[in-house]
């Protein structure tokens, strides 16, 4: 008879690599939430990813039109994220990315 392992127990007792990935996922989720909170409704729905890497805020949006609109707000967004998260953000990169399928999208 197979013994089943509780996934929460597995994650809590996980290796350093898995814990590192979990921490990165939490951090990116927090950045994504803050980016969306700083944007008007018509833009926040187009933002699907966000993270800070080496002082650069990287934001993924669902289309070129949204990327262009977001670029006009890049300076204010950079300042908001830096102030809210207390991290140095020296630049913003906006990328067009394919959105995740509806059943896997992060909901905030």
N, C-alpha and C. Protein backbone atom coordinates (compact mmCIF):
# COMPACT_ATOMS: atom_id res chain seq x y z
N UNK A 1 0.83 -1.17 0.00
CA UNK A 1 0.00 0.00 0.00
C UNK A 1 0.89 1.25 0.00
N UNK A 2 0.58 2.19 -0.90
CA UNK A 2 1.35 3.41 -1.00
C UNK A 2 0.96 4.39 0.09
N UNK A 3 1.98 5.05 0.62
CA UNK A 3 1.73 6.09 1.60
C UNK A 3 1.74 7.42 0.85
N UNK A 4 0.68 8.18 1.01
CA UNK A 4 0.57 9.47 0.34
C UNK A 4 1.19 10.55 1.21
N UNK A 5 1.85 11.49 0.55
CA UNK A 5 2.52 12.59 1.24
C UNK A 5 1.70 13.85 1.06
N UNK A 6 1.44 14.54 2.13
CA UNK A 6 0.74 15.80 2.08
C UNK A 6 1.64 16.81 1.37
N UNK A 7 1.10 17.47 0.35
CA UNK A 7 1.91 18.41 -0.43
C UNK A 7 2.43 19.56 0.42
N UNK A 8 1.66 20.02 1.38
CA UNK A 8 2.12 21.11 2.25
C UNK A 8 3.32 20.67 3.08
N UNK A 9 3.30 19.44 3.57
CA UNK A 9 4.45 18.93 4.32
C UNK A 9 5.67 18.81 3.42
N UNK A 10 5.45 18.37 2.20
CA UNK A 10 6.55 18.24 1.24
C UNK A 10 7.18 19.61 0.96
N UNK A 11 6.35 20.62 0.77
CA UNK A 11 6.87 21.95 0.48
C UNK A 11 7.59 22.55 1.69
N UNK A 12 7.06 22.30 2.89
CA UNK A 12 7.70 22.83 4.09
C UNK A 12 9.06 22.18 4.35
N UNK A 13 9.21 20.92 4.00
CA UNK A 13 10.46 20.21 4.23
C UNK A 13 11.33 20.19 2.98
N UNK A 14 11.07 21.08 2.06
CA UNK A 14 11.73 21.05 0.76
C UNK A 14 13.19 21.48 0.83
N UNK A 15 13.86 21.22 -0.25
CA UNK A 15 15.28 21.56 -0.37
C UNK A 15 15.47 23.07 -0.52
N UNK A 16 16.70 23.49 -0.46
CA UNK A 16 17.03 24.90 -0.60
C UNK A 16 16.61 25.47 -1.95
N UNK A 17 16.75 24.67 -2.99
CA UNK A 17 16.39 25.14 -4.33
C UNK A 17 14.90 25.41 -4.44
N UNK A 18 14.09 24.51 -3.92
CA UNK A 18 12.64 24.70 -3.96
C UNK A 18 12.24 25.89 -3.10
N UNK A 19 12.86 26.04 -1.94
CA UNK A 19 12.55 27.19 -1.09
C UNK A 19 12.93 28.49 -1.79
N UNK A 20 14.02 28.48 -2.52
CA UNK A 20 14.44 29.66 -3.27
C UNK A 20 13.40 30.00 -4.34
N UNK A 21 12.90 28.99 -5.03
CA UNK A 21 11.87 29.21 -6.04
C UNK A 21 10.58 29.73 -5.41
N UNK A 22 10.23 29.20 -4.26
CA UNK A 22 9.03 29.67 -3.57
C UNK A 22 9.17 31.13 -3.16
N UNK A 23 10.33 31.49 -2.67
CA UNK A 23 10.57 32.88 -2.26
C UNK A 23 10.50 33.81 -3.47
N UNK A 24 11.06 33.38 -4.58
CA UNK A 24 11.03 34.20 -5.80
C UNK A 24 9.60 34.35 -6.30
N UNK A 25 8.81 33.30 -6.24
CA UNK A 25 7.42 33.36 -6.67
C UNK A 25 6.63 34.33 -5.79
N UNK A 26 6.86 34.28 -4.48
CA UNK A 26 6.18 35.21 -3.57
C UNK A 26 6.58 36.66 -3.87
N UNK A 27 7.86 36.87 -4.09
CA UNK A 27 8.35 38.21 -4.38
C UNK A 27 7.73 38.75 -5.67
N UNK A 28 7.71 37.93 -6.72
CA UNK A 28 7.14 38.36 -8.00
C UNK A 28 5.64 38.62 -7.86
N UNK A 29 4.96 37.82 -7.07
CA UNK A 29 3.54 38.01 -6.85
C UNK A 29 3.29 39.35 -6.15
N UNK A 30 4.14 39.69 -5.19
CA UNK A 30 4.02 40.96 -4.48
C UNK A 30 4.26 42.13 -5.44
N UNK A 31 5.28 42.02 -6.29
CA UNK A 31 5.57 43.08 -7.25
C UNK A 31 4.39 43.23 -8.22
N UNK A 32 3.87 42.12 -8.71
CA UNK A 32 2.73 42.16 -9.62
C UNK A 32 1.54 42.85 -8.97
N UNK A 33 1.26 42.52 -7.73
CA UNK A 33 0.15 43.16 -7.01
C UNK A 33 0.35 44.67 -6.90
N UNK A 34 1.57 45.08 -6.58
CA UNK A 34 1.86 46.51 -6.43
C UNK A 34 1.79 47.25 -7.77
N UNK A 35 2.26 46.60 -8.84
CA UNK A 35 2.17 47.22 -10.16
C UNK A 35 0.70 47.42 -10.53
N UNK A 36 -0.10 46.38 -10.36
CA UNK A 36 -1.53 46.49 -10.69
C UNK A 36 -2.21 47.55 -9.83
N UNK A 37 -1.86 47.63 -8.56
CA UNK A 37 -2.47 48.61 -7.66
C UNK A 37 -2.15 50.05 -8.08
N UNK A 38 -1.03 50.24 -8.75
CA UNK A 38 -0.61 51.59 -9.14
C UNK A 38 -1.21 52.04 -10.47
N UNK A 39 -1.95 51.16 -11.13
CA UNK A 39 -2.45 51.46 -12.47
C UNK A 39 -3.96 51.63 -12.49
N UNK A 40 -4.46 52.41 -13.47
CA UNK A 40 -5.91 52.52 -13.63
C UNK A 40 -6.49 51.19 -14.14
N UNK A 41 -7.78 51.01 -13.96
CA UNK A 41 -8.44 49.74 -14.28
C UNK A 41 -8.17 49.26 -15.70
N UNK A 42 -8.17 50.15 -16.67
CA UNK A 42 -7.99 49.72 -18.06
C UNK A 42 -6.60 49.16 -18.33
N UNK A 43 -5.62 49.53 -17.52
CA UNK A 43 -4.26 49.00 -17.70
C UNK A 43 -3.97 47.80 -16.82
N UNK A 44 -4.49 47.78 -15.61
CA UNK A 44 -4.13 46.71 -14.68
C UNK A 44 -4.52 45.34 -15.20
N UNK A 45 -5.60 45.23 -15.96
CA UNK A 45 -6.02 43.94 -16.50
C UNK A 45 -5.09 43.41 -17.57
N UNK A 46 -4.31 44.28 -18.18
CA UNK A 46 -3.39 43.87 -19.25
C UNK A 46 -2.04 43.41 -18.70
N UNK A 47 -1.76 43.68 -17.44
CA UNK A 47 -0.48 43.30 -16.84
C UNK A 47 -0.58 41.86 -16.34
N UNK A 48 0.27 40.98 -16.86
CA UNK A 48 0.21 39.57 -16.48
C UNK A 48 1.44 39.10 -15.70
N UNK A 49 2.55 39.80 -15.80
CA UNK A 49 3.75 39.44 -15.04
C UNK A 49 4.46 40.72 -14.59
N UNK A 50 5.21 40.59 -13.50
CA UNK A 50 6.04 41.71 -13.04
C UNK A 50 7.06 41.18 -12.06
N UNK A 51 8.24 41.76 -12.12
CA UNK A 51 9.29 41.37 -11.20
C UNK A 51 10.41 42.40 -11.24
N UNK A 52 11.29 42.34 -10.26
CA UNK A 52 12.45 43.23 -10.22
C UNK A 52 13.69 42.36 -10.30
N UNK A 53 14.52 42.66 -11.29
CA UNK A 53 15.78 41.94 -11.48
C UNK A 53 16.90 42.94 -11.63
N UNK A 54 17.86 42.88 -10.72
CA UNK A 54 19.02 43.76 -10.74
C UNK A 54 18.63 45.23 -10.85
N UNK A 55 17.61 45.63 -10.10
CA UNK A 55 17.18 47.03 -10.08
C UNK A 55 16.31 47.45 -11.24
N UNK A 56 15.93 46.53 -12.09
CA UNK A 56 15.07 46.83 -13.22
C UNK A 56 13.70 46.22 -13.00
N UNK A 57 12.66 47.04 -13.09
CA UNK A 57 11.29 46.55 -13.02
C UNK A 57 10.91 46.05 -14.41
N UNK A 58 10.55 44.78 -14.49
CA UNK A 58 10.15 44.17 -15.76
C UNK A 58 8.67 43.85 -15.67
N UNK A 59 7.90 44.40 -16.60
CA UNK A 59 6.46 44.23 -16.61
C UNK A 59 6.05 43.59 -17.93
N UNK A 60 5.28 42.51 -17.84
CA UNK A 60 4.77 41.83 -19.03
C UNK A 60 3.31 42.17 -19.24
N UNK A 61 2.97 42.62 -20.44
CA UNK A 61 1.59 42.98 -20.77
C UNK A 61 1.11 42.15 -21.96
N UNK A 62 -0.20 42.13 -22.17
CA UNK A 62 -0.80 41.23 -23.15
C UNK A 62 -0.78 41.73 -24.59
N UNK A 63 -0.36 42.95 -24.85
CA UNK A 63 -0.34 43.43 -26.23
C UNK A 63 0.45 44.71 -26.38
N UNK A 64 0.78 45.02 -27.64
CA UNK A 64 1.58 46.20 -27.95
C UNK A 64 0.92 47.51 -27.57
N UNK A 65 -0.40 47.59 -27.74
CA UNK A 65 -1.11 48.82 -27.37
C UNK A 65 -0.96 49.09 -25.88
N UNK A 66 -1.11 48.03 -25.07
CA UNK A 66 -0.97 48.18 -23.62
C UNK A 66 0.46 48.54 -23.24
N UNK A 67 1.42 47.96 -23.94
CA UNK A 67 2.83 48.28 -23.66
C UNK A 67 3.09 49.76 -23.91
N UNK A 68 2.56 50.28 -25.01
CA UNK A 68 2.75 51.70 -25.32
C UNK A 68 2.12 52.58 -24.26
N UNK A 69 0.90 52.26 -23.85
CA UNK A 69 0.23 53.06 -22.82
C UNK A 69 0.99 53.01 -21.50
N UNK A 70 1.51 51.85 -21.18
CA UNK A 70 2.24 51.70 -19.92
C UNK A 70 3.58 52.45 -19.96
N UNK A 71 4.20 52.54 -21.12
CA UNK A 71 5.47 53.26 -21.22
C UNK A 71 5.31 54.73 -20.84
N UNK A 72 4.14 55.31 -21.13
CA UNK A 72 3.89 56.70 -20.74
C UNK A 72 3.84 56.86 -19.22
N UNK A 73 3.57 55.79 -18.52
CA UNK A 73 3.47 55.84 -17.06
C UNK A 73 4.70 55.22 -16.37
N UNK A 74 5.72 54.90 -17.13
CA UNK A 74 6.87 54.16 -16.60
C UNK A 74 7.56 54.88 -15.44
N UNK A 75 7.78 56.17 -15.56
CA UNK A 75 8.49 56.89 -14.50
C UNK A 75 7.68 56.87 -13.20
N UNK A 76 6.40 57.18 -13.28
CA UNK A 76 5.55 57.17 -12.09
C UNK A 76 5.46 55.76 -11.50
N UNK A 77 5.37 54.77 -12.36
CA UNK A 77 5.31 53.39 -11.90
C UNK A 77 6.60 52.99 -11.19
N UNK A 78 7.74 53.36 -11.77
CA UNK A 78 9.04 53.07 -11.16
C UNK A 78 9.14 53.69 -9.77
N UNK A 79 8.74 54.93 -9.66
CA UNK A 79 8.81 55.63 -8.38
C UNK A 79 7.85 55.00 -7.36
N UNK A 80 6.66 54.64 -7.80
CA UNK A 80 5.70 54.02 -6.90
C UNK A 80 6.22 52.68 -6.37
N UNK A 81 6.72 51.85 -7.25
CA UNK A 81 7.21 50.52 -6.86
C UNK A 81 8.41 50.65 -5.94
N UNK A 82 9.33 51.54 -6.27
CA UNK A 82 10.51 51.74 -5.42
C UNK A 82 10.10 52.19 -4.02
N UNK A 83 9.15 53.12 -3.95
CA UNK A 83 8.71 53.62 -2.65
C UNK A 83 7.92 52.61 -1.86
N UNK A 84 7.04 51.89 -2.53
CA UNK A 84 6.17 50.92 -1.86
C UNK A 84 6.95 49.72 -1.36
N UNK A 85 7.83 49.18 -2.20
CA UNK A 85 8.56 47.97 -1.83
C UNK A 85 9.90 48.25 -1.17
N UNK A 86 10.34 49.51 -1.17
CA UNK A 86 11.59 49.86 -0.54
C UNK A 86 12.81 49.28 -1.24
N UNK A 87 12.69 49.11 -2.56
CA UNK A 87 13.80 48.57 -3.34
C UNK A 87 14.23 49.62 -4.36
N UNK A 88 15.49 49.58 -4.71
CA UNK A 88 15.99 50.47 -5.76
C UNK A 88 15.50 49.96 -7.10
N UNK A 89 14.86 50.85 -7.84
CA UNK A 89 14.40 50.53 -9.19
C UNK A 89 14.92 51.65 -10.09
N UNK A 90 15.91 51.34 -10.91
CA UNK A 90 16.53 52.38 -11.73
C UNK A 90 15.99 52.45 -13.14
N UNK A 91 15.24 51.42 -13.58
CA UNK A 91 14.67 51.45 -14.92
C UNK A 91 13.46 50.53 -14.99
N UNK A 92 12.71 50.70 -16.08
CA UNK A 92 11.53 49.88 -16.32
C UNK A 92 11.63 49.30 -17.72
N UNK A 93 11.35 48.01 -17.82
CA UNK A 93 11.29 47.35 -19.13
C UNK A 93 9.89 46.77 -19.27
N UNK A 94 9.25 47.10 -20.37
CA UNK A 94 7.90 46.60 -20.62
C UNK A 94 7.97 45.66 -21.80
N UNK A 95 7.44 44.44 -21.59
CA UNK A 95 7.49 43.42 -22.63
C UNK A 95 6.08 42.96 -22.97
N UNK A 96 5.89 42.60 -24.22
CA UNK A 96 4.64 41.97 -24.63
C UNK A 96 4.84 40.48 -24.46
N UNK A 97 3.95 39.86 -23.68
CA UNK A 97 4.04 38.44 -23.41
C UNK A 97 2.70 37.78 -23.71
N UNK A 98 2.74 36.50 -23.92
CA UNK A 98 1.51 35.76 -24.12
C UNK A 98 0.89 35.52 -22.75
N UNK A 99 -0.39 35.85 -22.60
CA UNK A 99 -1.01 35.65 -21.28
C UNK A 99 -1.15 34.17 -20.96
N UNK A 100 -1.15 33.84 -19.67
CA UNK A 100 -1.35 32.45 -19.29
C UNK A 100 -2.78 32.02 -19.62
N UNK A 101 -3.00 30.71 -19.78
CA UNK A 101 -4.37 30.25 -20.00
C UNK A 101 -5.26 30.67 -18.82
N UNK A 102 -6.56 30.89 -19.05
CA UNK A 102 -7.44 31.41 -18.00
C UNK A 102 -7.45 30.59 -16.72
N UNK A 103 -7.30 29.28 -16.80
CA UNK A 103 -7.35 28.46 -15.59
C UNK A 103 -6.09 28.51 -14.77
N UNK A 104 -4.98 29.07 -15.30
CA UNK A 104 -3.73 29.15 -14.55
C UNK A 104 -3.35 30.58 -14.18
N UNK A 105 -4.17 31.55 -14.57
CA UNK A 105 -3.84 32.94 -14.31
C UNK A 105 -3.84 33.22 -12.81
N UNK A 106 -2.94 34.09 -12.38
CA UNK A 106 -2.87 34.50 -10.99
C UNK A 106 -4.01 35.49 -10.74
N UNK A 107 -4.77 35.24 -9.72
CA UNK A 107 -5.90 36.12 -9.42
C UNK A 107 -5.58 36.97 -8.19
N UNK A 108 -5.79 38.28 -8.34
CA UNK A 108 -5.53 39.21 -7.22
C UNK A 108 -6.74 40.07 -7.01
